[in-house]
C-alpha atoms as a PDB file:
ATOM      1  CA  MET A   1      53.323  55.366 -91.403  1.00  0.00           C
ATOM      2  CA  PHE A   2      50.119  56.944 -90.514  1.00  0.00           C
ATOM      3  CA  TRP A   3      49.588  57.937 -94.298  1.00  0.00           C
ATOM      4  CA  ALA A   4      50.187  54.479 -95.405  1.00  0.00           C
ATOM      5  CA  ALA A   5      47.648  53.028 -93.006  1.00  0.00           C
ATOM      6  CA  THR A   6      45.128  55.684 -94.034  1.00  0.00           C
ATOM      7  CA  ILE A   7      45.566  54.971 -97.717  1.00  0.00           C
ATOM      8  CA  ILE A   8      45.266  51.230 -97.131  1.00  0.00           C
ATOM      9  CA  TYR A   9      42.242  51.618 -95.107  1.00  0.00           C
ATOM     10  CA  SER A  10      40.718  53.913 -97.801  1.00  0.00           C
ATOM     11  CA  ALA A  11      41.471  51.406-100.546  1.00  0.00           C
ATOM     12  CA  VAL A  12      39.749  48.502 -98.623  1.00  0.00           C
ATOM     13  CA  ALA A  13      36.932  49.961 -96.545  1.00  0.00           C
ATOM     14  CA  GLY A  14      36.531  53.507 -97.764  1.00  0.00           C
ATOM     15  CA  ASN A  15      33.705  54.972 -99.953  1.00  0.00           C
ATOM     16  CA  ALA A  16      35.907  54.470-103.072  1.00  0.00           C
ATOM     17  CA  GLY A  17      37.409  51.276-101.940  1.00  0.00           C
ATOM     18  CA  TYR A  18      37.091  47.591-102.936  1.00  0.00           C
ATOM     19  CA  GLY A  19      34.109  47.240-100.681  1.00  0.00           C
ATOM     20  CA  ALA A  20      32.295  49.984-102.338  1.00  0.00           C
ATOM     21  CA  LEU A  21      33.230  48.433-105.738  1.00  0.00           C
ATOM     22  CA  ALA A  22      31.789  45.050-104.782  1.00  0.00           C
ATOM     23  CA  ARG A  23      28.510  46.733-103.625  1.00  0.00           C
ATOM     24  CA  LEU A  24      28.335  48.596-106.887  1.00  0.00           C
ATOM     25  CA  GLU A  25      29.021  45.560-108.981  1.00  0.00           C
ATOM     26  CA  ALA A  26      26.222  43.580-107.139  1.00  0.00           C
ATOM     27  CA  GLU A  27      23.904  46.505-107.744  1.00  0.00           C
ATOM     28  CA  VAL A  28      24.761  46.540-111.379  1.00  0.00           C
ATOM     29  CA  ASP A  29      24.012  42.766-111.566  1.00  0.00           C
ATOM     30  CA  ALA A  30      20.684  43.350-109.837  1.00  0.00           C
ATOM     31  CA  LYS A  31      19.719  46.246-112.127  1.00  0.00           C
ATOM     32  CA  ALA A  32      20.872  44.057-115.169  1.00  0.00           C
ATOM     33  CA  GLY A  33      18.325  41.412-114.122  1.00  0.00           C
ATOM     34  CA  GLU A  34      15.660  43.991-113.822  1.00  0.00           C
ATOM     35  CA  VAL A  35      16.524  45.239-117.329  1.00  0.00           C
ATOM     36  CA  ASP A  36      16.169  41.753-118.719  1.00  0.00           C
ATOM     37  CA  VAL A  37      12.745  41.339-117.153  1.00  0.00           C
ATOM     38  CA  LEU A  38      11.585  44.745-118.569  1.00  0.00           C
ATOM     39  CA  ARG A  39      13.055  43.980-121.937  1.00  0.00           C
ATOM     40  CA  ALA A  40      11.066  40.702-122.172  1.00  0.00           C
ATOM     41  CA  HIS A  41       7.933  42.543-120.999  1.00  0.00           C
ATOM     42  CA  ARG A  42       8.508  45.246-123.619  1.00  0.00           C
ATOM     43  CA  GLU A  43       8.966  42.660-126.276  1.00  0.00           C
ATOM     44  CA  THR A  44       5.703  40.966-125.330  1.00  0.00           C
ATOM     45  CA  LEU A  45       3.863  44.216-125.477  1.00  0.00           C
ATOM     46  CA  GLN A  46       5.464  45.036-128.698  1.00  0.00           C
ATOM     47  CA  LYS A  47       4.242  41.762-130.389  1.00  0.00           C
ATOM     48  CA  ARG A  48       0.790  42.452-129.012  1.00  0.00           C
ATOM     49  CA  ALA A  49       0.836  46.095-130.372  1.00  0.00           C
ATOM     50  CA  ASP A  50       2.101  44.756-133.748  1.00  0.00           C
ATOM     51  CA  GLN A  51      -0.768  42.460-133.981  1.00  0.00           C
ATOM     52  CA  LEU A  52      -3.114  45.211-133.240  1.00  0.00           C
ATOM     53  CA  ASN A  53      -1.620  47.376-135.999  1.00  0.00           C
ATOM     54  CA  SER A  54      -4.125  48.001-138.699  1.00  0.00           C
ATOM     55  CA  LYS A  55      -1.633  46.844-141.431  1.00  0.00           C
ATOM     56  CA  SER A  56      -1.293  43.431-139.864  1.00  0.00           C
ATOM     57  CA  LEU A  57      -4.617  43.045-138.061  1.00  0.00           C
ATOM     58  CA  ASP A  58      -5.329  39.451-137.201  1.00  0.00           C
ATOM     59  CA  PRO A  59      -9.075  38.905-137.574  1.00  0.00           C
ATOM     60  CA  ASP A  60      -9.116  36.093-135.049  1.00  0.00           C
ATOM     61  CA  LEU A  61      -7.414  38.324-132.480  1.00  0.00           C
ATOM     62  CA  VAL A  62      -9.890  41.028-133.069  1.00  0.00           C
ATOM     63  CA  ASP A  63     -12.846  38.629-132.744  1.00  0.00           C
ATOM     64  CA  GLU A  64     -11.376  37.172-129.563  1.00  0.00           C
ATOM     65  CA  THR A  65     -10.735  40.519-128.047  1.00  0.00           C
ATOM     66  CA  ILE A  66     -14.310  41.894-128.912  1.00  0.00           C
ATOM     67  CA  ARG A  67     -15.727  38.659-127.358  1.00  0.00           C
ATOM     68  CA  THR A  68     -13.596  38.740-124.258  1.00  0.00           C
ATOM     69  CA  VAL A  69     -13.774  42.595-123.429  1.00  0.00           C
ATOM     70  CA  LEU A  70     -17.260  43.418-124.533  1.00  0.00           C
ATOM     71  CA  GLY A  71     -18.896  39.985-123.850  1.00  0.00           C
ATOM     72  CA  TYR A  72     -20.318  39.557-127.372  1.00  0.00           C
ATOM     73  CA  SER A  73     -21.297  36.242-128.931  1.00  0.00           C
ATOM     74  CA  ARG A  74     -22.306  35.047-132.291  1.00  0.00           C
ATOM     75  CA  GLU A  75     -25.703  33.644-133.307  1.00  0.00           C
ATOM     76  CA  GLY A  76     -25.553  29.825-132.560  1.00  0.00           C
ATOM     77  CA  ASP A  77     -22.938  30.223-129.632  1.00  0.00           C
ATOM     78  CA  VAL A  78     -23.718  28.384-126.430  1.00  0.00           C
ATOM     79  CA  VAL A  79     -23.083  30.753-123.636  1.00  0.00           C
ATOM     80  CA  ILE A  80     -22.702  29.373-120.055  1.00  0.00           C
ATOM     81  CA  SER A  81     -22.661  31.843-117.201  1.00  0.00           C
ATOM     82  CA  ARG A  82     -19.741  31.745-114.699  1.00  0.00           C
ATOM     83  CA  GLN A  83     -22.077  30.696-111.910  1.00  0.00           C
ATOM     84  CA  ALA A  84     -23.532  27.798-113.970  1.00  0.00           C
ATOM     85  CA  LEU A  85     -20.076  26.640-114.925  1.00  0.00           C
ATOM     86  CA  ASP A  86     -18.950  26.707-111.195  1.00  0.00           C
ATOM     87  CA  ASP A  87     -22.102  24.888-110.102  1.00  0.00           C
ATOM     88  CA  ALA A  88     -21.542  22.151-112.829  1.00  0.00           C
ATOM     89  CA  MET A  89     -17.762  21.760-111.844  1.00  0.00           C
ATOM     90  CA  ARG A  90     -18.741  21.428-108.127  1.00  0.00           C
ATOM     91  CA  ARG A  91     -21.343  18.750-108.890  1.00  0.00           C
ATOM     92  CA  ARG A  92     -18.723  16.873-110.990  1.00  0.00           C
ATOM     93  CA  THR A  93     -16.261  16.961-108.282  1.00  0.00           C
ATOM     94  CA  ASP A  94     -18.867  15.930-105.700  1.00  0.00           C
ATOM     95  CA  LYS A  95     -19.867  12.880-107.704  1.00  0.00           C
ATOM     96  CA  ALA A  96     -16.135  11.925-108.134  1.00  0.00           C
ATOM     97  CA  ASN A  97     -15.576  11.828-104.439  1.00  0.00           C
END
C-alpha cells in the first residue's frame, strides 16, 4: 500500500510527474514565443544586411544613411536645426491654443 501511494504521489507531484510536465510545457511555450520574436528580428536585420550588400546596393539607402549618420546635405538643401524646428512647433502650438 505504501509503495502504491509513493508511486501515485511521484506521478502527480514529483520531479518527474505531471506537475513538472506542465511546468516544462509552459516553459517551452514561453521559449517558443521568444524564438519567434528573435526570428522576426533576425529577418529584419537580414533584409537590412541584404540591402547593404554591394551586389544589391540601393543608392537611395546609401544616400539616406550618409545623410542621417554623418549629417551631410546636398547643395540647395534647406537645413533646419532641431532647436529651430522645436521653436517653430512650439509657436505653432501656442497660436492654436
